[in-house]
Amino acid sequence: TSDKVSIASGIPSNPGIEAIMQNSQGGGSIAITR
């Protein structure tokens, strides 16, 4: 599925998903004022 993601066609509508994570606190992406 990851290989099918592209700027031209976007994200697939019928993906293969390995996991759906919850509670990623500071990891991955976090916003904070400078």
Full PDB file with SEQRES, HELIX, SHEET, SSBOND, CRYST1, ORIGX, SCALE, CONECT and MASTER records, all heavy atoms in Angstrom:
SEQRES   1 A   34  THR SER ASP LYS VAL SER ILE ALA SER GLY ILE PRO SER          
SEQRES   2 A   34  ASN PRO GLY ILE GLU ALA ILE MET GLN ASN SER GLN GLY          
SEQRES   3 A   34  GLY GLY SER ILE ALA ILE THR ARG                              
HELIX    1 AA1 SER A    2  LYS A    4  5                                   3    
CRYST1    1.000    1.000    1.000  90.00  90.00  90.00 P 1           1          
ORIGX1      1.000000  0.000000  0.000000        0.00000                         
ORIGX2      0.000000  1.000000  0.000000        0.00000                         
ORIGX3      0.000000  0.000000  1.000000        0.00000                         
SCALE1      1.000000  0.000000  0.000000        0.00000                         
SCALE2      0.000000  1.000000  0.000000        0.00000                         
SCALE3      0.000000  0.000000  1.000000        0.00000                         
ATOM      1  N   THR A   1       0.828  -1.208   0.000  1.00  0.00           N  
ATOM      2  CA  THR A   1       0.000   0.000   0.000  1.00  0.00           C  
ATOM      3  C   THR A   1       0.859   1.252   0.000  1.00  0.00           C  
ATOM      4  O   THR A   1       0.585   2.216  -0.720  1.00  0.00           O  
ATOM      5  CB  THR A   1      -0.932   0.014   1.221  1.00  0.00           C  
ATOM      6  OG1 THR A   1      -1.744  -1.161   1.211  1.00  0.00           O  
ATOM      7  CG2 THR A   1      -1.819   1.243   1.214  1.00  0.00           C  
ATOM      8  N   SER A   2       1.906   1.242   0.824  1.00  0.00           N  
ATOM      9  CA  SER A   2       2.801   2.395   0.878  1.00  0.00           C  
ATOM     10  C   SER A   2       3.403   2.684  -0.489  1.00  0.00           C  
ATOM     11  O   SER A   2       3.546   3.849  -0.889  1.00  0.00           O  
ATOM     12  CB  SER A   2       3.912   2.141   1.905  1.00  0.00           C  
ATOM     13  OG  SER A   2       4.690   3.295   2.118  1.00  0.00           O  
ATOM     14  N   ASP A   3       3.722   1.632  -1.239  1.00  0.00           N  
ATOM     15  CA  ASP A   3       4.291   1.810  -2.569  1.00  0.00           C  
ATOM     16  C   ASP A   3       3.299   2.451  -3.545  1.00  0.00           C  
ATOM     17  O   ASP A   3       3.703   3.023  -4.563  1.00  0.00           O  
ATOM     18  CB  ASP A   3       4.767   0.466  -3.137  1.00  0.00           C  
ATOM     19  CG  ASP A   3       5.981  -0.081  -2.400  1.00  0.00           C  
ATOM     20  OD1 ASP A   3       6.651   0.690  -1.692  1.00  0.00           O  
ATOM     21  OD2 ASP A   3       6.243  -1.297  -2.515  1.00  0.00           O  
ATOM     22  N   LYS A   4       2.008   2.335  -3.249  1.00  0.00           N  
ATOM     23  CA  LYS A   4       0.984   2.888  -4.136  1.00  0.00           C  
ATOM     24  C   LYS A   4       0.685   4.364  -3.855  1.00  0.00           C  
ATOM     25  O   LYS A   4       0.038   5.032  -4.669  1.00  0.00           O  
ATOM     26  CB  LYS A   4      -0.314   2.089  -4.001  1.00  0.00           C  
ATOM     27  CG  LYS A   4      -0.218   0.664  -4.516  1.00  0.00           C  
ATOM     28  CD  LYS A   4      -1.527  -0.073  -4.291  1.00  0.00           C  
ATOM     29  CE  LYS A   4      -1.436  -1.524  -4.743  1.00  0.00           C  
ATOM     30  NZ  LYS A   4      -2.684  -2.280  -4.464  1.00  0.00           N  
ATOM     31  N   VAL A   5       1.122   4.854  -2.704  1.00  0.00           N  
ATOM     32  CA  VAL A   5       0.886   6.267  -2.395  1.00  0.00           C  
ATOM     33  C   VAL A   5       1.735   7.118  -3.332  1.00  0.00           C  
ATOM     34  O   VAL A   5       2.936   6.902  -3.480  1.00  0.00           O  
ATOM     35  CB  VAL A   5       1.255   6.578  -0.932  1.00  0.00           C  
ATOM     36  CG1 VAL A   5       1.042   8.066  -0.632  1.00  0.00           C  
ATOM     37  CG2 VAL A   5       0.416   5.729   0.032  1.00  0.00           C  
ATOM     38  N   SER A   6       1.099   8.099  -3.962  1.00  0.00           N  
ATOM     39  CA  SER A   6       1.833   8.958  -4.888  1.00  0.00           C  
ATOM     40  C   SER A   6       1.232  10.350  -4.898  1.00  0.00           C  
ATOM     41  O   SER A   6       0.058  10.545  -4.578  1.00  0.00           O  
ATOM     42  CB  SER A   6       1.818   8.378  -6.302  1.00  0.00           C  
ATOM     43  OG  SER A   6       0.531   8.503  -6.871  1.00  0.00           O  
ATOM     44  N   ILE A   7       2.058  11.302  -5.279  1.00  0.00           N  
ATOM     45  CA  ILE A   7       1.588  12.683  -5.354  1.00  0.00           C  
ATOM     46  C   ILE A   7       0.465  12.807  -6.378  1.00  0.00           C  
ATOM     47  O   ILE A   7      -0.498  13.553  -6.195  1.00  0.00           O  
ATOM     48  CB  ILE A   7       2.757  13.615  -5.710  1.00  0.00           C  
ATOM     49  CG1 ILE A   7       3.777  13.635  -4.580  1.00  0.00           C  
ATOM     50  CG2 ILE A   7       2.261  15.031  -5.997  1.00  0.00           C  
ATOM     51  CD1 ILE A   7       5.025  14.435  -4.877  1.00  0.00           C  
ATOM     52  N   ALA A   8       0.552  12.036  -7.462  1.00  0.00           N  
ATOM     53  CA  ALA A   8      -0.435  12.135  -8.543  1.00  0.00           C  
ATOM     54  C   ALA A   8      -1.782  11.544  -8.154  1.00  0.00           C  
ATOM     55  O   ALA A   8      -2.835  12.122  -8.437  1.00  0.00           O  
ATOM     56  CB  ALA A   8       0.104  11.449  -9.797  1.00  0.00           C  
ATOM     57  N   SER A   9      -1.758  10.381  -7.495  1.00  0.00           N  
ATOM     58  CA  SER A   9      -3.021   9.673  -7.234  1.00  0.00           C  
ATOM     59  C   SER A   9      -3.451   9.698  -5.775  1.00  0.00           C  
ATOM     60  O   SER A   9      -4.522   9.202  -5.445  1.00  0.00           O  
ATOM     61  CB  SER A   9      -2.906   8.219  -7.707  1.00  0.00           C  
ATOM     62  OG  SER A   9      -1.822   7.561  -7.075  1.00  0.00           O  
ATOM     63  N   GLY A  10      -2.642  10.237  -4.889  1.00  0.00           N  
ATOM     64  CA  GLY A  10      -3.030  10.346  -3.493  1.00  0.00           C  
ATOM     65  C   GLY A  10      -2.881   9.044  -2.742  1.00  0.00           C  
ATOM     66  O   GLY A  10      -2.033   8.215  -3.053  1.00  0.00           O  
ATOM     67  N   ILE A  11      -3.718   8.853  -1.718  1.00  0.00           N  
ATOM     68  CA  ILE A  11      -3.631   7.655  -0.892  1.00  0.00           C  
ATOM     69  C   ILE A  11      -4.695   6.652  -1.334  1.00  0.00           C  
ATOM     70  O   ILE A  11      -5.802   7.033  -1.726  1.00  0.00           O  
ATOM     71  CB  ILE A  11      -3.795   7.983   0.608  1.00  0.00           C  
ATOM     72  CG1 ILE A  11      -5.175   8.566   0.921  1.00  0.00           C  
ATOM     73  CG2 ILE A  11      -2.706   8.973   1.045  1.00  0.00           C  
ATOM     74  CD1 ILE A  11      -5.417   8.791   2.412  1.00  0.00           C  
ATOM     75  N   PRO A  12      -4.388   5.348  -1.300  1.00  0.00           N  
ATOM     76  CA  PRO A  12      -5.352   4.329  -1.748  1.00  0.00           C  
ATOM     77  C   PRO A  12      -6.590   4.292  -0.860  1.00  0.00           C  
ATOM     78  O   PRO A  12      -6.527   4.568   0.346  1.00  0.00           O  
ATOM     79  CB  PRO A  12      -4.550   3.029  -1.636  1.00  0.00           C  
ATOM     80  CG  PRO A  12      -3.117   3.440  -1.640  1.00  0.00           C  
ATOM     81  CD  PRO A  12      -3.084   4.774  -0.955  1.00  0.00           C  
ATOM     82  N   SER A  13      -7.717   3.931  -1.449  1.00  0.00           N  
ATOM     83  CA  SER A  13      -8.973   3.855  -0.695  1.00  0.00           C  
ATOM     84  C   SER A  13      -9.171   2.496  -0.035  1.00  0.00           C  
ATOM     85  O   SER A  13     -10.006   2.361   0.856  1.00  0.00           O  
ATOM     86  CB  SER A  13     -10.161   4.154  -1.616  1.00  0.00           C  
ATOM     87  OG  SER A  13     -10.216   3.191  -2.670  1.00  0.00           O  
ATOM     88  N   ASN A  14      -8.418   1.497  -0.478  1.00  0.00           N  
ATOM     89  CA  ASN A  14      -8.574   0.146   0.065  1.00  0.00           C  
ATOM     90  C   ASN A  14      -7.208  -0.372   0.532  1.00  0.00           C  
ATOM     91  O   ASN A  14      -6.631  -1.275  -0.064  1.00  0.00           O  
ATOM     92  CB  ASN A  14      -9.165  -0.785  -0.998  1.00  0.00           C  
ATOM     93  CG  ASN A  14      -9.668  -2.085  -0.400  1.00  0.00           C  
ATOM     94  OD1 ASN A  14     -10.232  -2.101   0.688  1.00  0.00           O  
ATOM     95  ND2 ASN A  14      -9.465  -3.179  -1.111  1.00  0.00           N  
ATOM     96  N   PRO A  15      -6.687   0.202   1.624  1.00  0.00           N  
ATOM     97  CA  PRO A  15      -5.293  -0.044   1.990  1.00  0.00           C  
ATOM     98  C   PRO A  15      -5.088  -1.341   2.770  1.00  0.00           C  
ATOM     99  O   PRO A  15      -6.011  -1.899   3.352  1.00  0.00           O  
ATOM    100  CB  PRO A  15      -4.979   1.151   2.901  1.00  0.00           C  
ATOM    101  CG  PRO A  15      -6.298   1.391   3.597  1.00  0.00           C  
ATOM    102  CD  PRO A  15      -7.345   1.138   2.557  1.00  0.00           C  
ATOM    103  N   GLY A  16      -3.843  -1.773   2.775  1.00  0.00           N  
ATOM    104  CA  GLY A  16      -3.398  -2.777   3.720  1.00  0.00           C  
ATOM    105  C   GLY A  16      -2.807  -2.042   4.909  1.00  0.00           C  
ATOM    106  O   GLY A  16      -1.907  -1.208   4.750  1.00  0.00           O  
ATOM    107  N   ILE A  17      -3.325  -2.325   6.090  1.00  0.00           N  
ATOM    108  CA  ILE A  17      -2.921  -1.587   7.294  1.00  0.00           C  
ATOM    109  C   ILE A  17      -2.301  -2.559   8.288  1.00  0.00           C  
ATOM    110  O   ILE A  17      -2.948  -3.522   8.707  1.00  0.00           O  
ATOM    111  CB  ILE A  17      -4.124  -0.865   7.933  1.00  0.00           C  
ATOM    112  CG1 ILE A  17      -4.750   0.114   6.925  1.00  0.00           C  
ATOM    113  CG2 ILE A  17      -3.707  -0.131   9.207  1.00  0.00           C  
ATOM    114  CD1 ILE A  17      -6.062   0.714   7.399  1.00  0.00           C  
ATOM    115  N   GLU A  18      -1.064  -2.310   8.655  1.00  0.00           N  
ATOM    116  CA  GLU A  18      -0.385  -3.190   9.604  1.00  0.00           C  
ATOM    117  C   GLU A  18      -0.809  -2.920  11.043  1.00  0.00           C  
ATOM    118  O   GLU A  18      -0.878  -3.840  11.856  1.00  0.00           O  
ATOM    119  CB  GLU A  18       1.133  -3.021   9.483  1.00  0.00           C  
ATOM    120  CG  GLU A  18       1.699  -3.558   8.174  1.00  0.00           C  
ATOM    121  CD  GLU A  18       3.217  -3.532   8.152  1.00  0.00           C  
ATOM    122  OE1 GLU A  18       3.816  -2.799   8.977  1.00  0.00           O  
ATOM    123  OE2 GLU A  18       3.802  -4.250   7.322  1.00  0.00           O  
ATOM    124  N   ALA A  19      -1.069  -1.656  11.361  1.00  0.00           N  
ATOM    125  CA  ALA A  19      -1.437  -1.302  12.738  1.00  0.00           C  
ATOM    126  C   ALA A  19      -2.088   0.070  12.736  1.00  0.00           C  
ATOM    127  O   ALA A  19      -1.859   0.892  11.842  1.00  0.00           O  
ATOM    128  CB  ALA A  19      -0.211  -1.303  13.645  1.00  0.00           C  
ATOM    129  N   ILE A  20      -2.913   0.307  13.761  1.00  0.00           N  
ATOM    130  CA  ILE A  20      -3.504   1.621  13.988  1.00  0.00           C  
ATOM    131  C   ILE A  20      -3.119   2.016  15.409  1.00  0.00           C  
ATOM    132  O   ILE A  20      -3.632   1.475  16.382  1.00  0.00           O  
ATOM    133  CB  ILE A  20      -5.033   1.619  13.816  1.00  0.00           C  
ATOM    134  CG1 ILE A  20      -5.402   1.109  12.419  1.00  0.00           C  
ATOM    135  CG2 ILE A  20      -5.597   3.020  14.040  1.00  0.00           C  
ATOM    136  CD1 ILE A  20      -6.891   0.927  12.202  1.00  0.00           C  
ATOM    137  N   MET A  21      -2.184   2.943  15.505  1.00  0.00           N  
ATOM    138  CA  MET A  21      -1.615   3.315  16.804  1.00  0.00           C  
ATOM    139  C   MET A  21      -2.396   4.441  17.464  1.00  0.00           C  
ATOM    140  O   MET A  21      -2.862   5.371  16.805  1.00  0.00           O  
ATOM    141  CB  MET A  21      -0.151   3.739  16.641  1.00  0.00           C  
ATOM    142  CG  MET A  21       0.516   4.162  17.945  1.00  0.00           C  
ATOM    143  SD  MET A  21       2.164   4.895  17.713  1.00  0.00           S  
ATOM    144  CE  MET A  21       3.112   3.417  17.354  1.00  0.00           C  
ATOM    145  N   GLN A  22      -2.500   4.343  18.787  1.00  0.00           N  
ATOM    146  CA  GLN A  22      -3.084   5.399  19.604  1.00  0.00           C  
ATOM    147  C   GLN A  22      -2.034   5.915  20.595  1.00  0.00           C  
ATOM    148  O   GLN A  22      -1.076   5.221  20.925  1.00  0.00           O  
ATOM    149  CB  GLN A  22      -4.253   4.873  20.431  1.00  0.00           C  
ATOM    150  CG  GLN A  22      -5.334   4.129  19.684  1.00  0.00           C  
ATOM    151  CD  GLN A  22      -6.327   3.533  20.665  1.00  0.00           C  
ATOM    152  OE1 GLN A  22      -7.319   4.158  21.012  1.00  0.00           O  
ATOM    153  NE2 GLN A  22      -6.049   2.327  21.127  1.00  0.00           N  
ATOM    154  N   ASN A  23      -2.257   7.114  21.067  1.00  0.00           N  
ATOM    155  CA  ASN A  23      -1.506   7.683  22.197  1.00  0.00           C  
ATOM    156  C   ASN A  23      -0.029   7.867  21.909  1.00  0.00           C  
ATOM    157  O   ASN A  23       0.816   7.682  22.792  1.00  0.00           O  
ATOM    158  CB  ASN A  23      -1.689   6.840  23.461  1.00  0.00           C  
ATOM    159  CG  ASN A  23      -1.470   7.659  24.731  1.00  0.00           C  
ATOM    160  OD1 ASN A  23      -1.719   8.862  24.743  1.00  0.00           O  
ATOM    161  ND2 ASN A  23      -1.008   7.018  25.787  1.00  0.00           N  
ATOM    162  N   SER A  24       0.292   8.245  20.686  1.00  0.00           N  
ATOM    163  CA  SER A  24       1.661   8.652  20.396  1.00  0.00           C  
ATOM    164  C   SER A  24       1.805  10.091  20.851  1.00  0.00           C  
ATOM    165  O   SER A  24       1.311  11.004  20.202  1.00  0.00           O  
ATOM    166  CB  SER A  24       1.956   8.534  18.897  1.00  0.00           C  
ATOM    167  OG  SER A  24       3.250   8.980  18.601  1.00  0.00           O  
ATOM    168  N   GLN A  25       2.432  10.279  21.963  1.00  0.00           N  
ATOM    169  CA  GLN A  25       2.437  11.594  22.605  1.00  0.00           C  
ATOM    170  C   GLN A  25       3.433  12.539  21.939  1.00  0.00           C  
ATOM    171  O   GLN A  25       3.084  13.317  21.060  1.00  0.00           O  
ATOM    172  CB  GLN A  25       2.705  11.420  24.103  1.00  0.00           C  
ATOM    173  CG  GLN A  25       1.609  10.615  24.780  1.00  0.00           C  
ATOM    174  CD  GLN A  25       1.962  10.186  26.195  1.00  0.00           C  
ATOM    175  OE1 GLN A  25       3.125  10.038  26.558  1.00  0.00           O  
ATOM    176  NE2 GLN A  25       0.948   9.951  27.009  1.00  0.00           N  
ATOM    177  N   GLY A  26       4.704  12.482  22.320  1.00  0.00           N  
ATOM    178  CA  GLY A  26       5.679  13.354  21.685  1.00  0.00           C  
ATOM    179  C   GLY A  26       6.227  12.801  20.389  1.00  0.00           C  
ATOM    180  O   GLY A  26       6.949  13.487  19.679  1.00  0.00           O  
ATOM    181  N   GLY A  27       5.917  11.560  20.068  1.00  0.00           N  
ATOM    182  CA  GLY A  27       6.497  10.918  18.896  1.00  0.00           C  
ATOM    183  C   GLY A  27       5.759  11.236  17.606  1.00  0.00           C  
ATOM    184  O   GLY A  27       4.567  11.538  17.618  1.00  0.00           O  
ATOM    185  N   GLY A  28       6.482  11.152  16.485  1.00  0.00           N  
ATOM    186  CA  GLY A  28       5.858  11.311  15.177  1.00  0.00           C  
ATOM    187  C   GLY A  28       5.667  12.748  14.770  1.00  0.00           C  
ATOM    188  O   GLY A  28       6.201  13.206  13.762  1.00  0.00           O  
ATOM    189  N   SER A  29       4.880  13.481  15.546  1.00  0.00           N  
ATOM    190  CA  SER A  29       4.592  14.874  15.232  1.00  0.00           C  
ATOM    191  C   SER A  29       3.999  15.544  16.456  1.00  0.00           C  
ATOM    192  O   SER A  29       3.066  15.022  17.066  1.00  0.00           O  
ATOM    193  CB  SER A  29       3.609  14.967  14.055  1.00  0.00           C  
ATOM    194  OG  SER A  29       3.393  16.308  13.669  1.00  0.00           O  
ATOM    195  N   ILE A  30       4.553  16.683  16.812  1.00  0.00           N  
ATOM    196  CA  ILE A  30       4.015  17.441  17.944  1.00  0.00           C  
ATOM    197  C   ILE A  30       4.222  18.925  17.669  1.00  0.00           C  
ATOM    198  O   ILE A  30       5.221  19.322  17.057  1.00  0.00           O  
ATOM    199  CB  ILE A  30       4.678  17.023  19.275  1.00  0.00           C  
ATOM    200  CG1 ILE A  30       3.968  17.681  20.459  1.00  0.00           C  
ATOM    201  CG2 ILE A  30       6.167  17.314  19.274  1.00  0.00           C  
ATOM    202  CD1 ILE A  30       4.404  17.144  21.804  1.00  0.00           C  
ATOM    203  N   ALA A  31       3.271  19.742  18.088  1.00  0.00           N  
ATOM    204  CA  ALA A  31       3.338  21.189  17.860  1.00  0.00           C  
ATOM    205  C   ALA A  31       3.628  21.907  19.172  1.00  0.00           C  
ATOM    206  O   ALA A  31       3.053  21.580  20.210  1.00  0.00           O  
ATOM    207  CB  ALA A  31       2.020  21.695  17.263  1.00  0.00           C  
ATOM    208  N   ILE A  32       4.515  22.897  19.109  1.00  0.00           N  
ATOM    209  CA  ILE A  32       4.875  23.667  20.298  1.00  0.00           C  
ATOM    210  C   ILE A  32       5.294  25.061  19.855  1.00  0.00           C  
ATOM    211  O   ILE A  32       5.934  25.229  18.809  1.00  0.00           O  
ATOM    212  CB  ILE A  32       6.020  22.957  21.079  1.00  0.00           C  
ATOM    213  CG1 ILE A  32       6.395  23.749  22.338  1.00  0.00           C  
ATOM    214  CG2 ILE A  32       7.233  22.698  20.192  1.00  0.00           C  
ATOM    215  CD1 ILE A  32       7.349  22.986  23.260  1.00  0.00           C  
ATOM    216  N   THR A  33       4.911  26.063  20.613  1.00  0.00           N  
ATOM    217  CA  THR A  33       5.329  27.409  20.253  1.00  0.00           C  
ATOM    218  C   THR A  33       6.844  27.509  20.335  1.00  0.00           C  
ATOM    219  O   THR A  33       7.493  26.834  21.138  1.00  0.00           O  
ATOM    220  CB  THR A  33       4.703  28.471  21.169  1.00  0.00           C  
ATOM    221  OG1 THR A  33       5.221  28.323  22.498  1.00  0.00           O  
ATOM    222  CG2 THR A  33       3.180  28.364  21.188  1.00  0.00           C  
ATOM    223  N   ARG A  34       7.403  28.349  19.501  1.00  0.00           N  
ATOM    224  CA  ARG A  34       8.858  28.512  19.500  1.00  0.00           C  
ATOM    225  C   ARG A  34       9.339  28.994  20.868  1.00  0.00           C  
ATOM    226  O   ARG A  34      10.373  28.545  21.372  1.00  0.00           O  
ATOM    227  CB  ARG A  34       9.267  29.509  18.404  1.00  0.00           C  
ATOM    228  CG  ARG A  34      10.755  29.532  18.100  1.00  0.00           C  
ATOM    229  CD  ARG A  34      11.042  30.446  16.913  1.00  0.00           C  
ATOM    230  NE  ARG A  34      12.433  30.324  16.488  1.00  0.00           N  
ATOM    231  CZ  ARG A  34      13.432  31.012  17.013  1.00  0.00           C  
ATOM    232  NH1 ARG A  34      13.201  31.855  18.004  1.00  0.00           N  
ATOM    233  NH2 ARG A  34      14.672  30.840  16.565  1.00  0.00           N  
TER     234      ARG A  34                                                      
MASTER        0    0    0    1    0    0    0    6  233    1    0    3          
END                                                                             
